[in-house]
Every structure is written in structure tokens, then in C-alpha cells.
Amino acid sequence: METSPASSALILLWDKKSYWWQRRALDDDSHPACLDFAAGGGIEPGETPAQAAERELEEELGVTGLTLEALGARVLDGEVCALFAAPLPKAWRLGPEVAELLPLSLTALMALPREQLHPQLAQWLGSLPTQAHNC
């Protein structure tokens, strides 16, 4: 099955021990206070998914220059999302859309009530193979 072009880019950050997740701002107009991918957002006209991922990292976490690894595209919550992984930067500066950036294992994240997760993150977690849950 062919996937249509991605309309958003999502970024996973990893420090060799844990994944790092964004808690959305408490006053965010979409899923406030929910845990989400470390950064992400819509792909603007003329942007590639990688360019969108770089822009979102800078807007949401104040980070530039990370090496992004493309993980492919997935349909999450009805939207085609380009997924990327990157190493955790040494420092970051949270943008206004982000309440905090925190480390949690996949197992700990999956143990949270679904309403505490952004729908795209919840669907992605539900699609992971069982052996990935031990990370």
C-alpha cells in the first residue's frame, strides 16, 4: 500500500538510556498537558519532512544541528507522519508550546492512561512490537 506524502514530522530523542518526551503546554489549544513526541508539527509548503523536523526542533526545543535519522512514514491519528530519531542534545531551551521535556521508558509511557498521551503518540505506542516495550 502506497502512503501519501507526509503532512507532519515527528521526532524521537534518545540518550542511550531513555526516550525523551514533550509535555505540551498547559494552555496549548490542542491536547494541553499531554505527553507527545519530543518535537513535531506540520510540514509547510515547499518544505521537506527533514526540513520540517529541523524547524520544529528549533521552534520547540531551541535546538539546531542534530543528526536526524529517517524512520519512515506512518499514518497516526489519520495523518501521514514522517518519523525521525535523533540523539538527545546537550542543552535545550523550551519554546512556549512545551511545558517540559522528560525521560520515560516505553514501558513507563505505555503504563500511563491513554488520555495523558497525544493521540498520535498513543497510536504509535500501540503499534510497537512487544519486545520494544522493554526500552
N, C-alpha and C. Protein backbone atom coordinates (compact mmCIF):
# COMPACT_ATOMS: atom_id res chain seq x y z
N MET A 1 0.84 -1.19 0.00
CA MET A 1 0.00 0.00 0.00
C MET A 1 0.87 1.24 0.00
N GLU A 2 0.65 2.15 -0.91
CA GLU A 2 1.44 3.38 -1.01
C GLU A 2 0.86 4.42 -0.06
N THR A 3 1.77 5.13 0.62
CA THR A 3 1.36 6.16 1.56
C THR A 3 1.45 7.52 0.88
N SER A 4 0.47 8.38 1.10
CA SER A 4 0.53 9.73 0.54
C SER A 4 1.63 10.52 1.23
N PRO A 5 2.05 11.63 0.67
CA PRO A 5 3.12 12.41 1.28
C PRO A 5 2.77 12.84 2.71
N ALA A 6 3.79 12.88 3.52
CA ALA A 6 3.61 13.25 4.93
C ALA A 6 3.14 14.69 5.05
N SER A 7 2.29 14.93 6.04
CA SER A 7 1.84 16.29 6.33
C SER A 7 2.43 16.81 7.64
N SER A 8 3.11 15.93 8.39
CA SER A 8 3.78 16.38 9.61
C SER A 8 5.04 15.57 9.84
N ALA A 9 5.91 16.12 10.68
CA ALA A 9 7.17 15.46 11.06
C ALA A 9 7.19 15.32 12.57
N LEU A 10 7.59 14.14 13.06
CA LEU A 10 7.66 13.86 14.49
C LEU A 10 9.06 13.37 14.83
N ILE A 11 9.60 13.82 15.96
CA ILE A 11 10.97 13.50 16.32
C ILE A 11 11.04 12.78 17.66
N LEU A 12 11.74 11.65 17.67
CA LEU A 12 12.07 10.91 18.89
C LEU A 12 13.48 11.30 19.30
N LEU A 13 13.68 11.64 20.57
CA LEU A 13 15.02 11.91 21.10
C LEU A 13 15.39 10.77 22.04
N TRP A 14 16.66 10.37 22.01
CA TRP A 14 17.14 9.19 22.73
C TRP A 14 18.50 9.48 23.32
N ASP A 15 18.74 9.11 24.57
CA ASP A 15 20.05 9.33 25.20
C ASP A 15 20.78 8.03 25.55
N LYS A 16 20.46 6.94 24.88
CA LYS A 16 21.01 5.60 25.09
C LYS A 16 20.48 4.91 26.35
N LYS A 17 19.68 5.63 27.15
CA LYS A 17 19.03 5.03 28.32
C LYS A 17 17.52 5.17 28.23
N SER A 18 17.07 6.32 27.77
CA SER A 18 15.64 6.62 27.74
C SER A 18 15.29 7.43 26.50
N TYR A 19 14.03 7.34 26.14
CA TYR A 19 13.47 8.29 25.19
C TYR A 19 13.05 9.52 25.98
N TRP A 20 13.02 10.66 25.31
CA TRP A 20 12.61 11.91 25.95
C TRP A 20 11.35 12.39 25.26
N TRP A 21 10.38 12.82 26.07
CA TRP A 21 9.05 13.17 25.59
C TRP A 21 8.72 14.60 25.98
N GLN A 22 7.93 15.23 25.16
CA GLN A 22 7.46 16.59 25.42
C GLN A 22 6.13 16.53 26.16
N ARG A 23 6.03 17.33 27.22
CA ARG A 23 4.70 17.59 27.80
C ARG A 23 4.25 18.90 27.18
N ARG A 24 3.14 18.85 26.48
CA ARG A 24 2.61 20.04 25.82
C ARG A 24 2.22 21.10 26.86
N ALA A 25 2.30 22.34 26.47
CA ALA A 25 1.97 23.45 27.37
C ALA A 25 0.56 23.28 27.93
N LEU A 26 0.37 23.73 29.14
CA LEU A 26 -0.92 23.62 29.81
C LEU A 26 -2.00 24.44 29.10
N ASP A 27 -1.59 25.50 28.40
CA ASP A 27 -2.54 26.34 27.68
C ASP A 27 -2.57 26.07 26.18
N ASP A 28 -1.97 24.96 25.74
CA ASP A 28 -1.96 24.60 24.32
C ASP A 28 -3.40 24.38 23.86
N ASP A 29 -3.72 24.84 22.65
CA ASP A 29 -5.09 24.70 22.18
C ASP A 29 -5.38 23.31 21.61
N SER A 30 -4.37 22.45 21.54
CA SER A 30 -4.57 21.08 21.06
C SER A 30 -3.88 20.11 22.02
N HIS A 31 -4.65 19.36 22.76
CA HIS A 31 -4.14 18.35 23.70
C HIS A 31 -3.23 18.93 24.78
N PRO A 32 -3.70 19.94 25.52
CA PRO A 32 -2.87 20.55 26.56
C PRO A 32 -2.44 19.53 27.61
N ALA A 33 -1.18 19.67 28.06
CA ALA A 33 -0.57 18.86 29.13
C ALA A 33 -0.35 17.40 28.75
N CYS A 34 -0.69 17.00 27.53
CA CYS A 34 -0.47 15.61 27.11
C CYS A 34 1.00 15.39 26.78
N LEU A 35 1.45 14.15 26.97
CA LEU A 35 2.79 13.78 26.54
C LEU A 35 2.75 13.54 25.04
N ASP A 36 3.86 13.89 24.38
CA ASP A 36 3.92 13.84 22.93
C ASP A 36 5.35 13.49 22.52
N PHE A 37 5.56 13.30 21.23
CA PHE A 37 6.93 13.13 20.73
C PHE A 37 7.75 14.34 21.18
N ALA A 38 9.07 14.22 21.21
CA ALA A 38 9.93 15.29 21.72
C ALA A 38 9.69 16.61 20.99
N ALA A 39 9.43 16.54 19.71
CA ALA A 39 9.11 17.73 18.92
C ALA A 39 8.35 17.25 17.69
N GLY A 40 7.63 18.15 17.07
CA GLY A 40 6.94 17.80 15.85
C GLY A 40 5.91 18.83 15.46
N GLY A 41 5.48 18.73 14.22
CA GLY A 41 4.47 19.65 13.73
C GLY A 41 4.29 19.51 12.23
N GLY A 42 3.48 20.37 11.69
CA GLY A 42 3.13 20.32 10.28
C GLY A 42 4.28 20.67 9.35
N ILE A 43 4.23 20.08 8.17
CA ILE A 43 5.20 20.38 7.12
C ILE A 43 4.63 21.54 6.31
N GLU A 44 5.39 22.61 6.20
CA GLU A 44 4.93 23.80 5.48
C GLU A 44 5.16 23.64 3.98
N PRO A 45 4.39 24.38 3.16
CA PRO A 45 4.57 24.28 1.70
C PRO A 45 6.03 24.54 1.31
N GLY A 46 6.55 23.67 0.44
CA GLY A 46 7.93 23.81 -0.03
C GLY A 46 8.97 23.18 0.88
N GLU A 47 8.56 22.67 2.03
CA GLU A 47 9.47 22.06 2.99
C GLU A 47 9.51 20.55 2.79
N THR A 48 10.68 19.96 2.99
CA THR A 48 10.76 18.50 3.04
C THR A 48 10.44 18.07 4.48
N PRO A 49 10.12 16.80 4.70
CA PRO A 49 9.90 16.35 6.06
C PRO A 49 11.11 16.61 6.98
N ALA A 50 12.32 16.39 6.47
CA ALA A 50 13.53 16.64 7.28
C ALA A 50 13.67 18.12 7.63
N GLN A 51 13.38 18.99 6.69
CA GLN A 51 13.43 20.44 6.98
C GLN A 51 12.39 20.80 8.03
N ALA A 52 11.21 20.22 7.95
CA ALA A 52 10.18 20.49 8.95
C ALA A 52 10.63 20.00 10.32
N ALA A 53 11.25 18.81 10.37
CA ALA A 53 11.74 18.28 11.64
C ALA A 53 12.79 19.21 12.24
N GLU A 54 13.71 19.69 11.42
CA GLU A 54 14.73 20.63 11.90
C GLU A 54 14.10 21.91 12.43
N ARG A 55 13.11 22.43 11.69
CA ARG A 55 12.44 23.67 12.11
C ARG A 55 11.69 23.45 13.43
N GLU A 56 10.99 22.34 13.55
CA GLU A 56 10.24 22.06 14.78
C GLU A 56 11.17 21.89 15.98
N LEU A 57 12.32 21.25 15.79
CA LEU A 57 13.29 21.13 16.88
C LEU A 57 13.76 22.50 17.35
N GLU A 58 13.99 23.39 16.40
CA GLU A 58 14.44 24.74 16.76
C GLU A 58 13.31 25.52 17.43
N GLU A 59 12.09 25.47 16.90
CA GLU A 59 10.97 26.21 17.47
C GLU A 59 10.58 25.71 18.86
N GLU A 60 10.53 24.40 19.03
CA GLU A 60 10.01 23.84 20.28
C GLU A 60 11.07 23.62 21.34
N LEU A 61 12.32 23.32 20.91
CA LEU A 61 13.37 23.00 21.88
C LEU A 61 14.61 23.89 21.76
N GLY A 62 14.61 24.81 20.82
CA GLY A 62 15.77 25.70 20.66
C GLY A 62 17.03 24.97 20.24
N VAL A 63 16.88 23.86 19.51
CA VAL A 63 18.00 23.00 19.15
C VAL A 63 18.22 23.03 17.64
N THR A 64 19.48 23.15 17.24
CA THR A 64 19.84 23.05 15.83
C THR A 64 21.01 22.08 15.66
N GLY A 65 21.19 21.61 14.45
CA GLY A 65 22.36 20.81 14.12
C GLY A 65 22.34 19.35 14.54
N LEU A 66 21.19 18.82 14.95
CA LEU A 66 21.13 17.40 15.31
C LEU A 66 21.12 16.55 14.04
N THR A 67 21.76 15.39 14.11
CA THR A 67 21.71 14.44 13.01
C THR A 67 20.40 13.67 13.12
N LEU A 68 19.58 13.80 12.09
CA LEU A 68 18.27 13.13 12.07
C LEU A 68 18.36 11.83 11.29
N GLU A 69 17.77 10.79 11.85
CA GLU A 69 17.67 9.50 11.17
C GLU A 69 16.21 9.31 10.77
N ALA A 70 15.97 9.18 9.48
CA ALA A 70 14.61 8.97 8.98
C ALA A 70 14.14 7.56 9.33
N LEU A 71 12.96 7.46 9.95
CA LEU A 71 12.41 6.17 10.35
C LEU A 71 11.23 5.75 9.47
N GLY A 72 10.92 6.55 8.47
CA GLY A 72 9.80 6.24 7.58
C GLY A 72 8.55 7.00 7.96
N ALA A 73 7.49 6.75 7.23
CA ALA A 73 6.22 7.44 7.45
C ALA A 73 5.20 6.45 8.00
N ARG A 74 4.34 6.97 8.86
CA ARG A 74 3.26 6.17 9.46
C ARG A 74 1.99 7.01 9.47
N VAL A 75 0.87 6.36 9.32
CA VAL A 75 -0.41 7.05 9.49
C VAL A 75 -0.75 6.96 10.97
N LEU A 76 -0.81 8.11 11.62
CA LEU A 76 -1.10 8.20 13.04
C LEU A 76 -2.25 9.18 13.25
N ASP A 77 -3.30 8.72 13.87
CA ASP A 77 -4.48 9.54 14.12
C ASP A 77 -4.99 10.18 12.83
N GLY A 78 -4.95 9.39 11.73
CA GLY A 78 -5.48 9.85 10.45
C GLY A 78 -4.57 10.77 9.67
N GLU A 79 -3.35 10.99 10.10
CA GLU A 79 -2.42 11.90 9.43
C GLU A 79 -1.14 11.14 9.08
N VAL A 80 -0.60 11.39 7.87
CA VAL A 80 0.66 10.77 7.48
C VAL A 80 1.78 11.57 8.15
N CYS A 81 2.56 10.87 8.98
CA CYS A 81 3.62 11.50 9.75
C CYS A 81 4.98 10.91 9.37
N ALA A 82 5.94 11.77 9.07
CA ALA A 82 7.32 11.34 8.84
C ALA A 82 7.99 11.28 10.21
N LEU A 83 8.54 10.12 10.55
CA LEU A 83 9.18 9.94 11.85
C LEU A 83 10.69 10.03 11.73
N PHE A 84 11.30 10.69 12.71
CA PHE A 84 12.75 10.85 12.76
C PHE A 84 13.23 10.54 14.17
N ALA A 85 14.47 10.07 14.26
CA ALA A 85 15.13 9.88 15.56
C ALA A 85 16.39 10.73 15.57
N ALA A 86 16.76 11.19 16.75
CA ALA A 86 17.96 12.00 16.91
C ALA A 86 18.50 11.80 18.32
N PRO A 87 19.81 12.01 18.50
CA PRO A 87 20.37 11.91 19.84
C PRO A 87 19.92 13.10 20.69
N LEU A 88 19.79 12.87 21.99
CA LEU A 88 19.43 13.96 22.89
C LEU A 88 20.52 15.03 22.86
N PRO A 89 20.15 16.29 22.64
CA PRO A 89 21.17 17.35 22.65
C PRO A 89 21.68 17.60 24.08
N LYS A 90 22.84 18.20 24.18
CA LYS A 90 23.42 18.51 25.50
C LYS A 90 22.61 19.58 26.23
N ALA A 91 21.97 20.46 25.49
CA ALA A 91 21.19 21.54 26.10
C ALA A 91 20.00 21.86 25.18
N TRP A 92 18.97 22.44 25.77
CA TRP A 92 17.80 22.87 25.01
C TRP A 92 17.15 24.03 25.73
N ARG A 93 16.28 24.72 25.00
CA ARG A 93 15.52 25.85 25.52
C ARG A 93 14.08 25.64 25.08
N LEU A 94 13.20 25.43 26.03
CA LEU A 94 11.81 25.12 25.71
C LEU A 94 11.09 26.32 25.12
N GLY A 95 10.38 26.08 24.03
CA GLY A 95 9.54 27.10 23.43
C GLY A 95 8.21 27.19 24.17
N PRO A 96 7.37 28.16 23.82
CA PRO A 96 6.12 28.38 24.54
C PRO A 96 5.11 27.24 24.43
N GLU A 97 5.27 26.37 23.42
CA GLU A 97 4.33 25.24 23.25
C GLU A 97 4.66 24.07 24.17
N VAL A 98 5.81 24.14 24.86
CA VAL A 98 6.32 22.98 25.60
C VAL A 98 6.40 23.30 27.09
N ALA A 99 5.77 22.47 27.92
CA ALA A 99 5.84 22.64 29.37
C ALA A 99 7.12 22.04 29.94
N GLU A 100 7.51 20.86 29.43
CA GLU A 100 8.73 20.20 29.89
C GLU A 100 9.15 19.13 28.90
N LEU A 101 10.42 18.73 29.01
CA LEU A 101 10.97 17.61 28.26
C LEU A 101 11.44 16.62 29.30
N LEU A 102 10.93 15.38 29.24
CA LEU A 102 11.25 14.44 30.31
C LEU A 102 11.55 13.05 29.77
N PRO A 103 12.43 12.31 30.48
CA PRO A 103 12.76 10.95 30.06
C PRO A 103 11.78 9.94 30.64
N LEU A 104 11.32 9.03 29.81
CA LEU A 104 10.48 7.93 30.24
C LEU A 104 10.74 6.74 29.32
N SER A 105 10.83 5.56 29.89
CA SER A 105 10.95 4.36 29.07
C SER A 105 9.63 4.13 28.34
N LEU A 106 9.70 3.34 27.30
CA LEU A 106 8.47 3.00 26.58
C LEU A 106 7.49 2.27 27.51
N THR A 107 8.02 1.41 28.39
CA THR A 107 7.17 0.69 29.33
C THR A 107 6.43 1.65 30.25
N ALA A 108 7.15 2.63 30.80
CA ALA A 108 6.53 3.62 31.69
C ALA A 108 5.50 4.46 30.94
N LEU A 109 5.82 4.84 29.72
CA LEU A 109 4.91 5.64 28.92
C LEU A 109 3.63 4.86 28.62
N MET A 110 3.77 3.59 28.29
CA MET A 110 2.61 2.76 27.96
C MET A 110 1.73 2.48 29.17
N ALA A 111 2.29 2.60 30.37
CA ALA A 111 1.52 2.36 31.59
C ALA A 111 0.62 3.55 31.95
N LEU A 112 0.85 4.69 31.32
CA LEU A 112 0.04 5.89 31.61
C LEU A 112 -1.34 5.76 30.98
N PRO A 113 -2.34 6.39 31.59
CA PRO A 113 -3.67 6.41 30.97
C PRO A 113 -3.61 7.05 29.59
N ARG A 114 -4.31 6.47 28.65
CA ARG A 114 -4.27 6.94 27.25
C ARG A 114 -4.62 8.43 27.13
N GLU A 115 -5.49 8.94 27.98
CA GLU A 115 -5.87 10.36 27.88
C GLU A 115 -4.73 11.31 28.25
N GLN A 116 -3.65 10.79 28.80
CA GLN A 116 -2.48 11.62 29.10
C GLN A 116 -1.50 11.70 27.92
N LEU A 117 -1.82 11.00 26.83
CA LEU A 117 -0.96 10.94 25.66
C LEU A 117 -1.62 11.63 24.47
N HIS A 118 -0.82 12.31 23.66
CA HIS A 118 -1.33 12.83 22.40
C HIS A 118 -1.80 11.64 21.58
N PRO A 119 -2.92 11.74 20.85
CA PRO A 119 -3.44 10.60 20.09
C PRO A 119 -2.42 9.96 19.13
N GLN A 120 -1.58 10.76 18.49
CA GLN A 120 -0.58 10.20 17.57
C GLN A 120 0.44 9.36 18.33
N LEU A 121 0.86 9.83 19.50
CA LEU A 121 1.81 9.07 20.31
C LEU A 121 1.16 7.79 20.81
N ALA A 122 -0.07 7.87 21.27
CA ALA A 122 -0.77 6.68 21.77
C ALA A 122 -0.89 5.63 20.67
N GLN A 123 -1.24 6.05 19.46
CA GLN A 123 -1.38 5.09 18.36
C GLN A 123 -0.03 4.50 18.00
N TRP A 124 1.04 5.31 17.97
CA TRP A 124 2.38 4.80 17.67
C TRP A 124 2.81 3.77 18.71
N LEU A 125 2.58 4.07 19.98
CA LEU A 125 2.95 3.13 21.04
C LEU A 125 2.20 1.80 20.88
N GLY A 126 0.93 1.88 20.54
CA GLY A 126 0.13 0.68 20.37
C GLY A 126 0.55 -0.18 19.20
N SER A 127 1.31 0.40 18.27
CA SER A 127 1.74 -0.35 17.09
C SER A 127 3.12 -0.98 17.24
N LEU A 128 3.80 -0.70 18.36
CA LEU A 128 5.15 -1.22 18.54
C LEU A 128 5.15 -2.72 18.85
N PRO A 129 6.16 -3.44 18.37
CA PRO A 129 6.26 -4.86 18.73
C PRO A 129 6.50 -5.01 20.23
N THR A 130 6.05 -6.09 20.80
CA THR A 130 6.13 -6.32 22.23
C THR A 130 7.56 -6.20 22.77
N GLN A 131 8.57 -6.69 22.03
CA GLN A 131 9.95 -6.63 22.53
C GLN A 131 10.46 -5.19 22.65
N ALA A 132 9.88 -4.24 21.95
CA ALA A 132 10.30 -2.84 22.05
C ALA A 132 9.88 -2.22 23.37
N HIS A 133 8.91 -2.80 24.06
CA HIS A 133 8.37 -2.23 25.28
C HIS A 133 9.39 -2.23 26.43
N ASN A 134 10.46 -2.98 26.30
CA ASN A 134 11.46 -3.05 27.37
C ASN A 134 12.51 -1.96 27.27
N CYS A 135 12.39 -1.07 26.31
CA CYS A 135 13.37 0.01 26.15
C CYS A 135 13.12 1.14 27.13
